[in-house]
Every structure is written in C-alpha cells, then in structure tokens.
Amino acid sequence: MPEKTGVMTAEEKAREHIRMQNLPHIWCPGCSNGITTRAIVRAFEETGVDPDKTVVVSGIGCSSRTTGYLDFDTLHTTHGRPLAFATGIKLANPELKVVVISGDGDTAAIGGNHFIHAARRNIDITHICYNNSIYGMTGGQYSPTTHLGDRATTAPYGHLEREFDLCELAQAAGATYVARGTAYHFVPLVNYIKKALKHKGFSFVEVISTCPVYYGRLNGIKNAPDHLQWVADRSVTVKQAEKLTAEERAQKYVIGEFVQKEAPEYVENYMRLIESARGDNGDRNQK
C-alpha cells in the first residue's frame, strides 16, 4: 500500500463540495449533467471560491437538480425564476458570490424575460446553462434551443421553429462575459467557468450537453458515447467558424469566448444610490 502524502486527490477535493449523502444522483445513465457539474466543482476549487460566501440557485429541470448535490448554500426555486431569486440574494448581500444553474427551457422559455433583464442590468451573477436542446425531465418536448428539423415528442415529424442562439441573445441583452463550451471539451469548459466566476458583472456560460434518453433516441443517436462524439464532431472554435459560410456555421456549435468587457455593475450602482439618498436626507434634516 502506498503511503499517504497528505496531498488530496482530485476526487477527495471534489467530495468536499458534494453532498455525498444525496448520492446516487437521479440523472439517467449517460447524461452529461454529471460532467458539467464536475466542471463547475473543478472551477470552484481552482478559483478558491469560499463555500460560506457562495450561493448556488437553480430553477426546475434535470440540470436544476444540481443544487441538491452541491455542498454550498443552495436554493432550488421555481421554473424560470432562478435569476429572479438570485437577483434578490445579490441585492440583499452584495458580498456573496451568486451562481445560477439552469437548463435551456428554464433559461430561454419561461425564464427568458428574467434572462435578458439580468444581462441588461449587468448584475454580478454567474449563469451556467446546461443546454441539451430538449425538455428531458418532463418527457422530451422541444425547447427554445431545439434545432430546426430535430425530432421531439412534441415534434414527431421534425421541429418547425428556428432555435435561439443563447450566447447571441446574452450578448445582445448586454452580458459582459459570454462563452460556450461543451460537455465533451472538459478542460476548456472549466476555464470558461473560472473566468465567469472571476468576472465582475453578468457572466453567461452555455454548456452544450447531451440527453441520450430523449434527444439522442429521438434523433437517431445510438448511445451516450455516440452522443458526446456527435457534439464533438459538430463543434468548431470561434476562429474556425470565421472561415465557414453562414450555412456551414448554422450546422455547428461555435465554442469559445464571445464577450469579455467591463461595464457599470447594477448592485454597485444601487448601493451608491442608497448612500446618495441617505446623504440627501441628512442635508434636508439639518435644514
């Protein structure tokens, strides 16, 4: 037996951030939510996030069950509303690191208005979206990110609507850090989440994830490894995408960083306004 060196392994470090008593998890075999959750935990470890000053908020959906497994202060809220709860938390205690985990439906359907306004305000929240292009928890219905022509239980002959590009939506709404990774490209994904956690302002990381039970089965992908490979084969970097035609690019997942800039942050402005109002009231009282 090798002697213990006192240095923690990666697995031991991960366990410090996981509620081991809540395992095994409820996700289907082959679901990539576990990979993405591990990437988040790795990013927490490597950025030195303080668990006592971090709140993780989720809504409803497969990905939103992540909060049940993370050993932080967590809030499992209502469908489409995690950003609303997160905004309240950040305003109540600006010192907290606030992270939102949600799915594509949670983010862009019922939660779409909260999403664009959180980005517009540039509130200091990190939003991580697990995008598997389908409603996995409730039976395989199409979502706002289901691709044109894809099959779902509510689109058995092929989806008729164009999908949202969530990163383009976040950029247009005013998010100051925007990136897209995949569950296949683990190391780059960890790096995007680390940058998002360090960023001051609204940061958005979209994770192209897999649902082999519904999306894969309904769209002719045989198994979970094939689904991950399917994502990898359709992924190109931002630089590679620049060389593609619009038609070619539409068939690909463009991964990388799209926006990284500074802008006034909502909570700081709000606190300055409170201080200014207090000063004005003091002057009036003296008069």
Protein backbone atom coordinates (compact mmCIF):
# COMPACT_ATOMS: atom_id res chain seq x y z
CA MET A 1 0.00 0.00 0.00
CA PRO A 2 1.44 3.43 -0.92
CA GLU A 3 1.97 5.83 1.95
CA LYS A 4 -0.38 8.78 2.29
CA THR A 5 1.35 12.01 1.35
CA GLY A 6 -1.16 14.40 2.87
CA VAL A 7 -1.92 15.79 -0.60
CA MET A 8 -5.59 15.49 -1.52
CA THR A 9 -6.51 13.78 -4.77
CA ALA A 10 -8.85 15.45 -7.26
CA GLU A 11 -11.63 13.07 -6.17
CA GLU A 12 -11.12 13.94 -2.50
CA LYS A 13 -11.22 17.66 -3.30
CA ALA A 14 -14.42 17.18 -5.29
CA ARG A 15 -16.07 15.32 -2.43
CA GLU A 16 -15.58 18.37 -0.21
CA HIS A 17 -18.08 20.24 -2.41
CA ILE A 18 -20.57 17.38 -2.86
CA ARG A 19 -23.38 16.28 -0.52
CA MET A 20 -22.35 12.66 -0.59
CA GLN A 21 -25.42 11.65 1.44
CA ASN A 22 -27.62 12.66 -1.52
CA LEU A 23 -25.95 10.22 -3.91
CA PRO A 24 -26.60 8.31 -6.10
CA HIS A 25 -27.99 11.08 -8.30
CA ILE A 26 -31.24 10.84 -10.23
CA TRP A 27 -29.85 11.57 -13.70
CA CYS A 28 -30.23 8.94 -16.40
CA PRO A 29 -27.23 6.75 -17.27
CA GLY A 30 -25.12 8.56 -19.86
CA CYS A 31 -26.49 12.03 -19.09
CA SER A 32 -23.74 14.64 -19.35
CA ASN A 33 -25.04 16.65 -16.39
CA GLY A 34 -22.52 14.86 -14.20
CA ILE A 35 -19.64 16.02 -16.42
CA THR A 36 -20.82 19.62 -16.33
CA THR A 37 -21.37 19.52 -12.58
CA ARG A 38 -17.82 18.21 -12.15
CA ALA A 39 -16.54 21.07 -14.31
CA ILE A 40 -18.33 23.54 -12.03
CA VAL A 41 -16.84 21.91 -8.93
CA ARG A 42 -13.36 21.98 -10.51
CA ALA A 43 -13.81 25.68 -11.31
CA PHE A 44 -14.90 26.32 -7.72
CA GLU A 45 -11.78 24.51 -6.46
CA GLU A 46 -9.34 26.29 -8.76
CA THR A 47 -10.73 29.77 -8.16
CA GLY A 48 -10.79 29.28 -4.40
CA VAL A 49 -14.48 30.06 -4.05
CA ASP A 50 -15.45 30.31 -0.36
CA PRO A 51 -18.35 27.85 0.26
CA ASP A 52 -19.51 30.01 3.18
CA LYS A 53 -19.88 33.03 0.90
CA THR A 54 -21.32 31.31 -2.16
CA VAL A 55 -24.96 30.67 -3.05
CA VAL A 56 -25.98 28.41 -5.94
CA VAL A 57 -29.51 28.90 -7.26
CA SER A 58 -31.42 26.70 -9.70
CA GLY A 59 -34.90 26.51 -11.17
CA ILE A 60 -36.72 23.38 -12.34
CA GLY A 61 -35.44 20.73 -14.74
CA CYS A 62 -32.84 17.98 -14.99
CA SER A 63 -29.90 20.37 -14.67
CA SER A 64 -31.55 22.27 -11.85
CA ARG A 65 -31.30 19.22 -9.62
CA THR A 66 -27.58 20.02 -9.40
CA THR A 67 -28.15 22.23 -6.37
CA GLY A 68 -29.20 19.16 -4.38
CA TYR A 69 -25.70 17.69 -4.79
CA LEU A 70 -23.53 20.77 -4.20
CA ASP A 71 -22.44 21.36 -0.61
CA PHE A 72 -22.98 25.13 -0.61
CA ASP A 73 -25.88 27.30 0.44
CA THR A 74 -28.27 26.36 -2.35
CA LEU A 75 -31.75 27.32 -3.46
CA HIS A 76 -33.91 25.09 -5.66
CA THR A 77 -36.56 27.53 -6.89
CA THR A 78 -39.42 27.60 -9.39
CA HIS A 79 -39.37 27.08 -13.14
CA GLY A 80 -37.82 30.00 -14.99
CA ARG A 81 -37.25 32.07 -11.84
CA PRO A 82 -33.71 31.30 -10.58
CA LEU A 83 -32.36 34.63 -11.84
CA ALA A 84 -35.12 36.50 -10.01
CA PHE A 85 -34.24 34.75 -6.74
CA ALA A 86 -30.52 35.24 -7.43
CA THR A 87 -31.04 38.96 -8.01
CA GLY A 88 -32.75 39.28 -4.63
CA ILE A 89 -29.92 37.39 -2.92
CA LYS A 90 -27.24 39.56 -4.53
CA LEU A 91 -29.03 42.79 -3.60
CA ALA A 92 -29.60 41.62 -0.02
CA ASN A 93 -25.94 40.66 0.45
CA PRO A 94 -23.62 42.00 -2.27
CA GLU A 95 -20.60 40.23 -0.73
CA LEU A 96 -21.93 36.83 -1.76
CA LYS A 97 -20.82 35.01 -4.89
CA VAL A 98 -24.10 34.07 -6.60
CA VAL A 99 -24.21 31.32 -9.24
CA VAL A 100 -27.28 30.26 -11.22
CA ILE A 101 -27.64 26.83 -12.82
CA SER A 102 -30.47 26.26 -15.27
CA GLY A 103 -31.46 24.41 -18.41
CA ASP A 104 -32.31 25.69 -21.87
CA GLY A 105 -36.05 25.74 -21.22
CA ASP A 106 -35.60 27.26 -17.78
CA THR A 107 -33.34 29.95 -19.25
CA ALA A 108 -34.95 30.86 -22.56
CA ALA A 109 -38.64 29.87 -22.36
CA ILE A 110 -40.48 30.71 -19.14
CA GLY A 111 -37.31 32.36 -17.80
CA GLY A 112 -36.45 34.30 -20.94
CA ASN A 113 -37.50 37.71 -19.66
CA HIS A 114 -35.51 37.30 -16.44
CA PHE A 115 -32.51 36.25 -18.53
CA ILE A 116 -32.43 39.27 -20.82
CA HIS A 117 -33.01 41.74 -17.99
CA ALA A 118 -30.35 40.23 -15.72
CA ALA A 119 -27.94 40.61 -18.64
CA ARG A 120 -29.17 44.15 -19.36
CA ARG A 121 -28.65 45.20 -15.74
CA ASN A 122 -25.18 43.61 -15.73
CA ILE A 123 -25.82 42.29 -12.24
CA ASP A 124 -22.85 40.39 -10.78
CA ILE A 125 -24.20 36.84 -11.20
CA THR A 126 -22.65 33.86 -12.95
CA HIS A 127 -25.25 31.99 -15.00
CA ILE A 128 -24.41 28.49 -16.26
CA CYS A 129 -26.90 26.95 -18.69
CA TYR A 130 -26.91 23.21 -19.39
CA ASN A 131 -28.28 23.18 -22.94
CA ASN A 132 -29.38 19.73 -24.15
CA SER A 133 -31.88 21.15 -26.68
CA ILE A 134 -34.86 19.34 -25.18
CA TYR A 135 -37.06 19.10 -22.09
CA GLY A 136 -35.60 15.94 -20.59
CA MET A 137 -37.35 15.85 -17.22
CA THR A 138 -40.92 16.17 -18.47
CA GLY A 139 -40.94 13.84 -21.44
CA GLY A 140 -38.83 15.05 -24.35
CA GLN A 141 -40.76 18.09 -25.59
CA TYR A 142 -38.95 20.56 -27.84
CA SER A 143 -37.35 23.59 -26.19
CA PRO A 144 -36.30 27.07 -27.40
CA THR A 145 -32.93 25.59 -28.45
CA THR A 146 -34.21 22.54 -30.33
CA HIS A 147 -32.76 22.79 -33.82
CA LEU A 148 -34.87 23.23 -36.92
CA GLY A 149 -35.84 19.77 -38.17
CA ASP A 150 -34.94 17.92 -34.96
CA ARG A 151 -37.44 15.46 -33.54
CA ALA A 152 -39.02 15.65 -30.10
CA THR A 153 -42.07 14.04 -28.51
CA THR A 154 -43.99 17.23 -29.39
CA ALA A 155 -42.37 17.40 -32.84
CA PRO A 156 -42.51 13.79 -34.11
CA TYR A 157 -42.15 14.89 -37.76
CA GLY A 158 -39.42 17.47 -37.13
CA HIS A 159 -39.28 20.82 -35.36
CA LEU A 160 -40.58 23.78 -37.40
CA GLU A 161 -39.10 26.66 -35.40
CA ARG A 162 -35.64 28.19 -35.57
CA GLU A 163 -33.71 27.84 -32.33
CA PHE A 164 -32.40 30.58 -30.07
CA ASP A 165 -28.64 31.11 -30.04
CA LEU A 166 -28.34 31.72 -26.29
CA CYS A 167 -24.89 33.31 -26.50
CA GLU A 168 -26.04 35.76 -29.17
CA LEU A 169 -29.09 36.53 -27.05
CA ALA A 170 -26.92 37.16 -23.96
CA GLN A 171 -24.60 39.44 -25.93
CA ALA A 172 -27.46 41.43 -27.44
CA ALA A 173 -29.05 41.86 -24.00
CA GLY A 174 -25.83 43.28 -22.51
CA ALA A 175 -24.00 40.45 -20.73
CA THR A 176 -20.34 41.40 -20.19
CA TYR A 177 -18.87 37.88 -20.26
CA VAL A 178 -20.26 35.26 -22.65
CA ALA A 179 -18.79 31.86 -23.52
CA ARG A 180 -19.90 28.50 -24.86
CA GLY A 181 -18.35 25.14 -24.04
CA THR A 182 -19.44 21.52 -24.30
CA ALA A 183 -19.57 18.52 -22.02
CA TYR A 184 -17.06 16.85 -24.38
CA HIS A 185 -14.42 19.60 -24.10
CA PHE A 186 -13.97 19.40 -20.33
CA VAL A 187 -10.80 21.45 -19.76
CA PRO A 188 -11.87 24.48 -21.84
CA LEU A 189 -15.26 24.35 -20.11
CA VAL A 190 -13.60 24.55 -16.68
CA ASN A 191 -11.60 27.56 -17.86
CA TYR A 192 -14.70 29.39 -19.14
CA ILE A 193 -16.49 28.83 -15.82
CA LYS A 194 -13.42 30.03 -13.90
CA LYS A 195 -13.32 33.24 -15.95
CA ALA A 196 -17.04 33.72 -15.43
CA LEU A 197 -16.69 33.32 -11.67
CA LYS A 198 -13.90 35.92 -11.57
CA HIS A 199 -15.72 38.37 -13.83
CA LYS A 200 -17.43 41.44 -12.33
CA GLY A 201 -20.84 41.72 -13.93
CA PHE A 202 -23.31 39.35 -15.57
CA SER A 203 -21.43 36.33 -16.92
CA PHE A 204 -23.06 33.61 -19.00
CA VAL A 205 -21.63 30.20 -19.87
CA GLU A 206 -23.65 27.94 -22.13
CA VAL A 207 -22.76 24.25 -21.96
CA ILE A 208 -23.78 22.06 -24.90
CA SER A 209 -24.84 18.91 -23.08
CA THR A 210 -26.37 15.59 -24.03
CA CYS A 211 -29.64 13.78 -23.32
CA PRO A 212 -29.22 10.29 -24.81
CA VAL A 213 -32.57 9.07 -23.49
CA TYR A 214 -34.76 11.64 -25.26
CA TYR A 215 -32.83 13.81 -27.69
CA GLY A 216 -30.44 11.05 -28.72
CA ARG A 217 -33.04 8.32 -29.05
CA LEU A 218 -35.46 10.52 -30.99
CA ASN A 219 -32.75 11.79 -33.37
CA GLY A 220 -31.04 8.54 -34.30
CA ILE A 221 -28.04 8.70 -31.94
CA LYS A 222 -27.45 5.18 -30.64
CA ASN A 223 -25.94 5.69 -27.19
CA ALA A 224 -24.38 8.12 -24.72
CA PRO A 225 -20.76 7.92 -26.01
CA ASP A 226 -22.01 8.43 -29.57
CA HIS A 227 -23.95 11.47 -28.40
CA LEU A 228 -20.85 13.05 -26.88
CA GLN A 229 -18.94 12.31 -30.08
CA TRP A 230 -21.81 13.80 -32.08
CA VAL A 231 -21.38 17.06 -30.12
CA ALA A 232 -17.61 16.97 -30.62
CA ASP A 233 -17.94 16.43 -34.39
CA ARG A 234 -20.23 19.46 -34.67
CA SER A 235 -18.09 21.80 -32.57
CA VAL A 236 -15.76 24.43 -34.02
CA THR A 237 -13.80 27.20 -32.34
CA VAL A 238 -14.57 30.88 -32.87
CA LYS A 239 -11.56 31.17 -35.21
CA GLN A 240 -12.57 28.10 -37.21
CA ALA A 241 -16.10 29.46 -37.54
CA GLU A 242 -14.80 32.64 -39.18
CA LYS A 243 -13.78 30.55 -42.21
CA LEU A 244 -17.21 28.94 -42.64
CA THR A 245 -20.12 30.13 -44.71
CA ALA A 246 -23.32 31.13 -42.94
CA GLU A 247 -24.91 27.81 -43.97
CA GLU A 248 -21.95 25.77 -42.70
CA ARG A 249 -21.80 27.69 -39.45
CA ALA A 250 -25.52 27.10 -38.83
CA GLN A 251 -24.79 23.37 -38.61
CA LYS A 252 -22.07 23.79 -35.97
CA TYR A 253 -21.68 24.58 -32.29
CA VAL A 254 -19.30 27.53 -32.11
CA ILE A 255 -17.38 27.23 -28.85
CA GLY A 256 -15.17 29.75 -27.13
CA GLU A 257 -15.42 33.23 -25.63
CA PHE A 258 -17.61 35.80 -27.37
CA VAL A 259 -17.61 38.78 -24.99
CA GLN A 260 -15.33 39.91 -22.20
CA LYS A 261 -15.70 43.57 -21.29
CA GLU A 262 -16.31 45.92 -18.40
CA ALA A 263 -19.47 47.93 -17.76
CA PRO A 264 -21.18 49.50 -14.72
CA GLU A 265 -22.45 46.77 -12.40
CA TYR A 266 -26.02 47.04 -11.12
CA VAL A 267 -25.54 46.29 -7.40
CA GLU A 268 -22.66 48.74 -7.03
CA ASN A 269 -24.76 51.46 -8.67
CA TYR A 270 -27.70 50.56 -6.44
CA MET A 271 -25.59 50.84 -3.28
CA ARG A 272 -24.18 54.19 -4.40
CA LEU A 273 -27.73 55.41 -4.95
CA ILE A 274 -28.69 54.37 -1.41
CA GLU A 275 -25.71 56.22 0.05
CA SER A 276 -26.52 59.29 -2.03
CA ALA A 277 -30.16 59.21 -0.89
CA ARG A 278 -29.09 58.93 2.74
CA GLY A 279 -26.83 61.94 2.31
CA ASP A 280 -29.61 63.98 0.74
CA ASN A 281 -31.97 63.09 3.60
CA GLY A 282 -29.35 64.13 6.16
CA ASP A 283 -28.92 67.51 4.45
CA ARG A 284 -32.68 68.07 4.41
CA ASN A 285 -32.99 67.13 8.10
CA GLN A 286 -30.24 69.59 9.03
CA LYS A 287 -32.05 72.36 7.19
